[in-house]
PDB file of N, CA and C in Angstrom:
ATOM      1  N   MET A   1     -54.666 247.340  62.834  1.00  0.00           N
ATOM      2  CA  MET A   1     -53.731 247.197  61.945  1.00  0.00           C
ATOM      3  C   MET A   1     -52.235 245.879  62.533  1.00  0.00           C
ATOM      4  N   LYS A   2     -51.879 244.446  61.173  1.00  0.00           N
ATOM      5  CA  LYS A   2     -51.959 244.161  61.736  1.00  0.00           C
ATOM      6  C   LYS A   2     -50.380 243.822  60.845  1.00  0.00           C
ATOM      7  N   ILE A   3     -49.125 243.482  61.696  1.00  0.00           N
ATOM      8  CA  ILE A   3     -47.822 243.758  60.947  1.00  0.00           C
ATOM      9  C   ILE A   3     -47.089 242.561  60.663  1.00  0.00           C
ATOM     10  N   ILE A   4     -47.134 241.787  59.590  1.00  0.00           N
ATOM     11  CA  ILE A   4     -46.163 240.745  59.537  1.00  0.00           C
ATOM     12  C   ILE A   4     -44.621 240.401  59.557  1.00  0.00           C
ATOM     13  N   ILE A   5     -43.742 240.655  60.333  1.00  0.00           N
ATOM     14  CA  ILE A   5     -42.551 241.030  59.780  1.00  0.00           C
ATOM     15  C   ILE A   5     -41.269 239.272  59.678  1.00  0.00           C
ATOM     16  N   ASN A   6     -41.340 238.785  58.640  1.00  0.00           N
ATOM     17  CA  ASN A   6     -40.486 237.622  58.795  1.00  0.00           C
ATOM     18  C   ASN A   6     -38.830 237.730  58.460  1.00  0.00           C
ATOM     19  N   ILE A   7     -38.392 236.919  60.163  1.00  0.00           N
ATOM     20  CA  ILE A   7     -36.928 237.159  59.997  1.00  0.00           C
ATOM     21  C   ILE A   7     -36.324 235.140  60.039  1.00  0.00           C
ATOM     22  N   GLU A   8     -35.365 234.838  58.991  1.00  0.00           N
ATOM     23  CA  GLU A   8     -34.774 233.915  59.077  1.00  0.00           C
ATOM     24  C   GLU A   8     -33.454 232.501  59.668  1.00  0.00           C
ATOM     25  N   ASP A   9     -33.672 234.426  60.459  1.00  0.00           N
ATOM     26  CA  ASP A   9     -32.562 233.855  61.529  1.00  0.00           C
ATOM     27  C   ASP A   9     -32.649 233.141  63.070  1.00  0.00           C
ATOM     28  N   GLN A  10     -32.949 232.358  63.020  1.00  0.00           N
ATOM     29  CA  GLN A  10     -33.038 231.198  64.338  1.00  0.00           C
ATOM     30  C   GLN A  10     -32.986 231.866  65.699  1.00  0.00           C
ATOM     31  N   GLU A  11     -31.392 232.090  65.543  1.00  0.00           N
ATOM     32  CA  GLU A  11     -30.765 232.626  66.849  1.00  0.00           C
ATOM     33  C   GLU A  11     -32.101 234.007  66.806  1.00  0.00           C
ATOM     34  N   LEU A  12     -31.663 234.952  66.135  1.00  0.00           N
ATOM     35  CA  LEU A  12     -32.021 235.822  66.610  1.00  0.00           C
ATOM     36  C   LEU A  12     -33.619 235.742  66.625  1.00  0.00           C
ATOM     37  N   ILE A  13     -34.433 234.780  66.342  1.00  0.00           N
ATOM     38  CA  ILE A  13     -36.294 235.004  67.151  1.00  0.00           C
ATOM     39  C   ILE A  13     -35.872 234.347  68.934  1.00  0.00           C
ATOM     40  N   ASP A  14     -35.259 233.426  68.252  1.00  0.00           N
ATOM     41  CA  ASP A  14     -34.706 233.053  69.812  1.00  0.00           C
ATOM     42  C   ASP A  14     -34.518 233.970  70.825  1.00  0.00           C
ATOM     43  N   ILE A  15     -34.203 234.894  70.155  1.00  0.00           N
ATOM     44  CA  ILE A  15     -33.290 236.570  71.441  1.00  0.00           C
ATOM     45  C   ILE A  15     -35.030 236.770  71.154  1.00  0.00           C
ATOM     46  N   LEU A  16     -35.322 237.209  70.714  1.00  0.00           N
ATOM     47  CA  LEU A  16     -36.890 238.111  70.765  1.00  0.00           C
ATOM     48  C   LEU A  16     -37.932 237.615  71.228  1.00  0.00           C
ATOM     49  N   LYS A  17     -37.550 236.745  71.909  1.00  0.00           N
ATOM     50  CA  LYS A  17     -39.134 236.056  72.529  1.00  0.00           C
ATOM     51  C   LYS A  17     -40.078 236.404  73.763  1.00  0.00           C
ATOM     52  N   PHE A  18     -38.355 236.866  74.347  1.00  0.00           N
ATOM     53  CA  PHE A  18     -38.693 237.958  75.361  1.00  0.00           C
ATOM     54  C   PHE A  18     -40.070 238.828  75.126  1.00  0.00           C
ATOM     55  N   LEU A  19     -40.846 238.931  73.616  1.00  0.00           N
ATOM     56  CA  LEU A  19     -41.553 240.285  73.627  1.00  0.00           C
ATOM     57  C   LEU A  19     -42.633 239.763  73.258  1.00  0.00           C
ATOM     58  N   GLU A  20     -42.625 238.444  73.538  1.00  0.00           N
ATOM     59  CA  GLU A  20     -43.862 237.674  73.689  1.00  0.00           C
ATOM     60  C   GLU A  20     -44.915 237.860  74.491  1.00  0.00           C
ATOM     61  N   SER A  21     -44.139 238.358  76.048  1.00  0.00           N
ATOM     62  CA  SER A  21     -44.702 238.833  77.276  1.00  0.00           C
ATOM     63  C   SER A  21     -44.596 239.652  77.072  1.00  0.00           C
ATOM     64  N   GLN A  22     -43.567 240.412  77.370  1.00  0.00           N
ATOM     65  CA  GLN A  22     -43.211 242.121  77.262  1.00  0.00           C
ATOM     66  C   GLN A  22     -44.479 242.574  76.525  1.00  0.00           C
ATOM     67  N   GLU A  23     -44.022 243.152  75.783  1.00  0.00           N
ATOM     68  CA  GLU A  23     -44.423 243.626  74.314  1.00  0.00           C
ATOM     69  C   GLU A  23     -46.140 242.839  73.425  1.00  0.00           C
ATOM     70  N   GLY A  24     -46.602 241.886  73.909  1.00  0.00           N
ATOM     71  CA  GLY A  24     -47.807 241.063  73.860  1.00  0.00           C
ATOM     72  C   GLY A  24     -47.534 240.760  71.770  1.00  0.00           C
ATOM     73  N   ILE A  25     -46.377 240.810  71.522  1.00  0.00           N
ATOM     74  CA  ILE A  25     -45.858 240.571  70.364  1.00  0.00           C
ATOM     75  C   ILE A  25     -46.363 238.455  69.498  1.00  0.00           C
ATOM     76  N   LYS A  26     -46.597 238.253  68.864  1.00  0.00           N
ATOM     77  CA  LYS A  26     -46.736 236.928  68.498  1.00  0.00           C
ATOM     78  C   LYS A  26     -44.982 236.816  67.464  1.00  0.00           C
ATOM     79  N   ILE A  27     -44.823 235.168  68.377  1.00  0.00           N
ATOM     80  CA  ILE A  27     -43.743 234.634  67.621  1.00  0.00           C
ATOM     81  C   ILE A  27     -43.796 233.812  66.705  1.00  0.00           C
ATOM     82  N   GLU A  28     -44.935 232.767  65.237  1.00  0.00           N
ATOM     83  CA  GLU A  28     -44.669 232.078  65.289  1.00  0.00           C
ATOM     84  C   GLU A  28     -43.681 231.380  63.877  1.00  0.00           C
ATOM     85  N   ASN A  29     -43.273 230.409  63.970  1.00  0.00           N
ATOM     86  CA  ASN A  29     -42.359 229.538  62.762  1.00  0.00           C
ATOM     87  C   ASN A  29     -41.393 230.590  62.504  1.00  0.00           C
ATOM     88  N   ASN A  30     -40.654 231.285  62.716  1.00  0.00           N
ATOM     89  CA  ASN A  30     -39.900 232.626  62.367  1.00  0.00           C
ATOM     90  C   ASN A  30     -40.523 234.018  61.759  1.00  0.00           C
ATOM     91  N   ILE A  31     -41.775 233.870  61.963  1.00  0.00           N
ATOM     92  CA  ILE A  31     -42.521 234.984  61.979  1.00  0.00           C
ATOM     93  C   ILE A  31     -43.346 235.551  62.547  1.00  0.00           C
ATOM     94  N   ILE A  32     -42.649 237.017  62.821  1.00  0.00           N
ATOM     95  CA  ILE A  32     -43.329 238.289  64.215  1.00  0.00           C
ATOM     96  C   ILE A  32     -44.502 238.562  63.408  1.00  0.00           C
ATOM     97  N   ILE A  33     -45.104 238.944  64.253  1.00  0.00           N
ATOM     98  CA  ILE A  33     -46.970 239.580  64.366  1.00  0.00           C
ATOM     99  C   ILE A  33     -47.038 240.353  65.542  1.00  0.00           C
ATOM    100  N   ILE A  34     -47.374 241.806  65.218  1.00  0.00           N
ATOM    101  CA  ILE A  34     -47.560 242.395  65.611  1.00  0.00           C
ATOM    102  C   ILE A  34     -48.787 242.800  65.157  1.00  0.00           C
ATOM    103  N   ASP A  35     -50.064 242.492  65.709  1.00  0.00           N
ATOM    104  CA  ASP A  35     -51.726 243.231  65.695  1.00  0.00           C
ATOM    105  C   ASP A  35     -52.162 243.910  66.746  1.00  0.00           C
ATOM    106  N   LYS A  36     -52.286 245.495  66.775  1.00  0.00           N
ATOM    107  CA  LYS A  36     -52.786 246.309  67.157  1.00  0.00           C
ATOM    108  C   LYS A  36     -53.639 247.319  66.812  1.00  0.00           C
ATOM    109  N   ARG A  37     -55.202 247.800  67.490  1.00  0.00           N
ATOM    110  CA  ARG A  37     -55.487 249.207  66.951  1.00  0.00           C
ATOM    111  C   ARG A  37     -54.799 250.083  66.076  1.00  0.00           C
ATOM    112  N   ASP A  38     -54.294 250.723  67.486  1.00  0.00           N
ATOM    113  CA  ASP A  38     -53.141 251.923  67.525  1.00  0.00           C
ATOM    114  C   ASP A  38     -52.498 251.695  66.741  1.00  0.00           C
ATOM    115  N   ILE A  39     -52.399 252.204  65.306  1.00  0.00           N
ATOM    116  CA  ILE A  39     -51.461 252.841  64.642  1.00  0.00           C
ATOM    117  C   ILE A  39     -50.166 253.229  65.836  1.00  0.00           C
ATOM    118  N   SER A  40     -50.076 254.223  66.503  1.00  0.00           N
ATOM    119  CA  SER A  40     -48.394 254.638  66.971  1.00  0.00           C
ATOM    120  C   SER A  40     -47.918 253.155  67.864  1.00  0.00           C
ATOM    121  N   LYS A  41     -49.007 252.877  68.864  1.00  0.00           N
ATOM    122  CA  LYS A  41     -47.986 250.755  69.532  1.00  0.00           C
ATOM    123  C   LYS A  41     -47.736 250.581  67.908  1.00  0.00           C
ATOM    124  N   ALA A  42     -48.183 249.797  67.207  1.00  0.00           N
ATOM    125  CA  ALA A  42     -47.635 248.965  66.340  1.00  0.00           C
ATOM    126  C   ALA A  42     -46.303 249.750  65.503  1.00  0.00           C
ATOM    127  N   ARG A  43     -47.037 250.791  65.552  1.00  0.00           N
ATOM    128  CA  ARG A  43     -45.412 251.253  64.971  1.00  0.00           C
ATOM    129  C   ARG A  43     -44.025 251.204  66.238  1.00  0.00           C
ATOM    130  N   ALA A  44     -44.363 251.771  67.283  1.00  0.00           N
ATOM    131  CA  ALA A  44     -43.196 251.884  68.330  1.00  0.00           C
ATOM    132  C   ALA A  44     -42.838 250.615  68.917  1.00  0.00           C
ATOM    133  N   GLN A  45     -43.360 249.294  68.766  1.00  0.00           N
ATOM    134  CA  GLN A  45     -42.990 248.171  68.332  1.00  0.00           C
ATOM    135  C   GLN A  45     -42.593 247.470  67.329  1.00  0.00           C
ATOM    136  N   MET A  46     -42.632 247.983  65.911  1.00  0.00           N
ATOM    137  CA  MET A  46     -42.696 248.012  64.633  1.00  0.00           C
ATOM    138  C   MET A  46     -40.870 248.553  64.604  1.00  0.00           C
ATOM    139  N   ASN A  47     -40.503 249.685  65.355  1.00  0.00           N
ATOM    140  CA  ASN A  47     -39.660 250.164  65.593  1.00  0.00           C
ATOM    141  C   ASN A  47     -38.587 249.545  66.945  1.00  0.00           C
ATOM    142  N   LEU A  48     -38.912 248.752  67.441  1.00  0.00           N
ATOM    143  CA  LEU A  48     -38.663 248.349  68.845  1.00  0.00           C
ATOM    144  C   LEU A  48     -37.546 246.525  67.914  1.00  0.00           C
ATOM    145  N   ILE A  49     -38.551 246.239  67.397  1.00  0.00           N
ATOM    146  CA  ILE A  49     -37.591 245.055  66.597  1.00  0.00           C
ATOM    147  C   ILE A  49     -36.862 246.127  65.768  1.00  0.00           C
ATOM    148  N   PHE A  50     -37.208 246.683  64.511  1.00  0.00           N
ATOM    149  CA  PHE A  50     -35.940 246.730  63.992  1.00  0.00           C
ATOM    150  C   PHE A  50     -34.505 247.714  64.348  1.00  0.00           C
ATOM    151  N   ARG A  51     -34.990 248.489  65.753  1.00  0.00           N
ATOM    152  CA  ARG A  51     -33.388 248.731  66.689  1.00  0.00           C
ATOM    153  C   ARG A  51     -32.742 247.214  67.222  1.00  0.00           C
ATOM    154  N   LEU A  52     -34.299 246.425  67.679  1.00  0.00           N
ATOM    155  CA  LEU A  52     -32.876 244.819  67.986  1.00  0.00           C
ATOM    156  C   LEU A  52     -32.325 244.261  67.588  1.00  0.00           C
ATOM    157  N   LEU A  53     -32.884 244.641  65.847  1.00  0.00           N
ATOM    158  CA  LEU A  53     -32.384 243.757  64.644  1.00  0.00           C
ATOM    159  C   LEU A  53     -30.878 244.375  64.576  1.00  0.00           C
ATOM    160  N   LYS A  54     -31.035 245.682  64.644  1.00  0.00           N
ATOM    161  CA  LYS A  54     -30.091 246.491  63.844  1.00  0.00           C
ATOM    162  C   LYS A  54     -28.603 246.499  65.106  1.00  0.00           C
ATOM    163  N   ILE A  55     -28.556 246.338  66.454  1.00  0.00           N
ATOM    164  CA  ILE A  55     -28.150 245.738  67.109  1.00  0.00           C
ATOM    165  C   ILE A  55     -27.738 244.432  67.722  1.00  0.00           C
ATOM    166  N   HIS A  56     -27.932 243.191  67.132  1.00  0.00           N
ATOM    167  CA  HIS A  56     -28.219 241.991  66.748  1.00  0.00           C
ATOM    168  C   HIS A  56     -26.652 242.071  65.875  1.00  0.00           C
ATOM    169  N   ASP A  57     -27.274 242.757  64.853  1.00  0.00           N
ATOM    170  CA  ASP A  57     -26.369 242.591  63.084  1.00  0.00           C
ATOM    171  C   ASP A  57     -25.263 243.738  63.167  1.00  0.00           C
ATOM    172  N   ASN A  58     -25.031 244.255  64.412  1.00  0.00           N
ATOM    173  CA  ASN A  58     -23.776 245.466  65.000  1.00  0.00           C
ATOM    174  C   ASN A  58     -23.609 244.615  65.842  1.00  0.00           C
ATOM    175  N   LEU A  59     -23.008 243.877  66.686  1.00  0.00           N
ATOM    176  CA  LEU A  59     -22.478 243.146  67.733  1.00  0.00           C
ATOM    177  C   LEU A  59     -21.750 241.457  66.805  1.00  0.00           C
ATOM    178  N   ASN A  60     -23.266 241.214  66.064  1.00  0.00           N
ATOM    179  CA  ASN A  60     -22.483 239.875  65.347  1.00  0.00           C
ATOM    180  C   ASN A  60     -21.161 240.790  64.373  1.00  0.00           C
ATOM    181  N   ARG A  61     -21.080 241.625  64.004  1.00  0.00           N
ATOM    182  CA  ARG A  61     -20.043 242.407  62.925  1.00  0.00           C
ATOM    183  C   ARG A  61     -18.565 242.713  64.086  1.00  0.00           C
ATOM    184  N   PHE A  62     -19.049 242.989  65.135  1.00  0.00           N
ATOM    185  CA  PHE A  62     -18.364 242.872  65.629  1.00  0.00           C
ATOM    186  C   PHE A  62     -17.461 242.169  66.044  1.00  0.00           C
ATOM    187  N   LEU A  63     -18.002 241.353  66.727  1.00  0.00           N
ATOM    188  CA  LEU A  63     -17.597 240.205  66.949  1.00  0.00           C
ATOM    189  C   LEU A  63     -16.926 239.155  66.079  1.00  0.00           C
ATOM    190  N   SER A  64     -17.673 239.026  64.224  1.00  0.00           N
ATOM    191  CA  SER A  64     -16.766 238.322  63.803  1.00  0.00           C
ATOM    192  C   SER A  64     -15.677 239.373  63.460  1.00  0.00           C
ATOM    193  N   SER A  65     -15.498 240.415  64.153  1.00  0.00           N
ATOM    194  CA  SER A  65     -14.002 241.072  63.114  1.00  0.00           C
ATOM    195  C   SER A  65     -12.967 240.780  64.239  1.00  0.00           C
ATOM    196  N   LEU A  66     -13.253 240.062  65.325  1.00  0.00           N
ATOM    197  CA  LEU A  66     -11.801 240.206  66.417  1.00  0.00           C
ATOM    198  C   LEU A  66     -11.222 238.831  66.084  1.00  0.00           C
TER     199      LEU A  66
END
């Protein structure tokens, strides 16, 4: 199963770089590529990315409200 997520926020891409070594996720040209045979592992990695996106968004909202 191959999942491709396009992210336009370069700051977020830089933050997610640690996933390349920790989770085996590829990041190329603002595109996150999850390539796993096991669907449950691919879904878990996708959920991890979406949770990190939500945390990043919530943090940016909080900081902009200060």
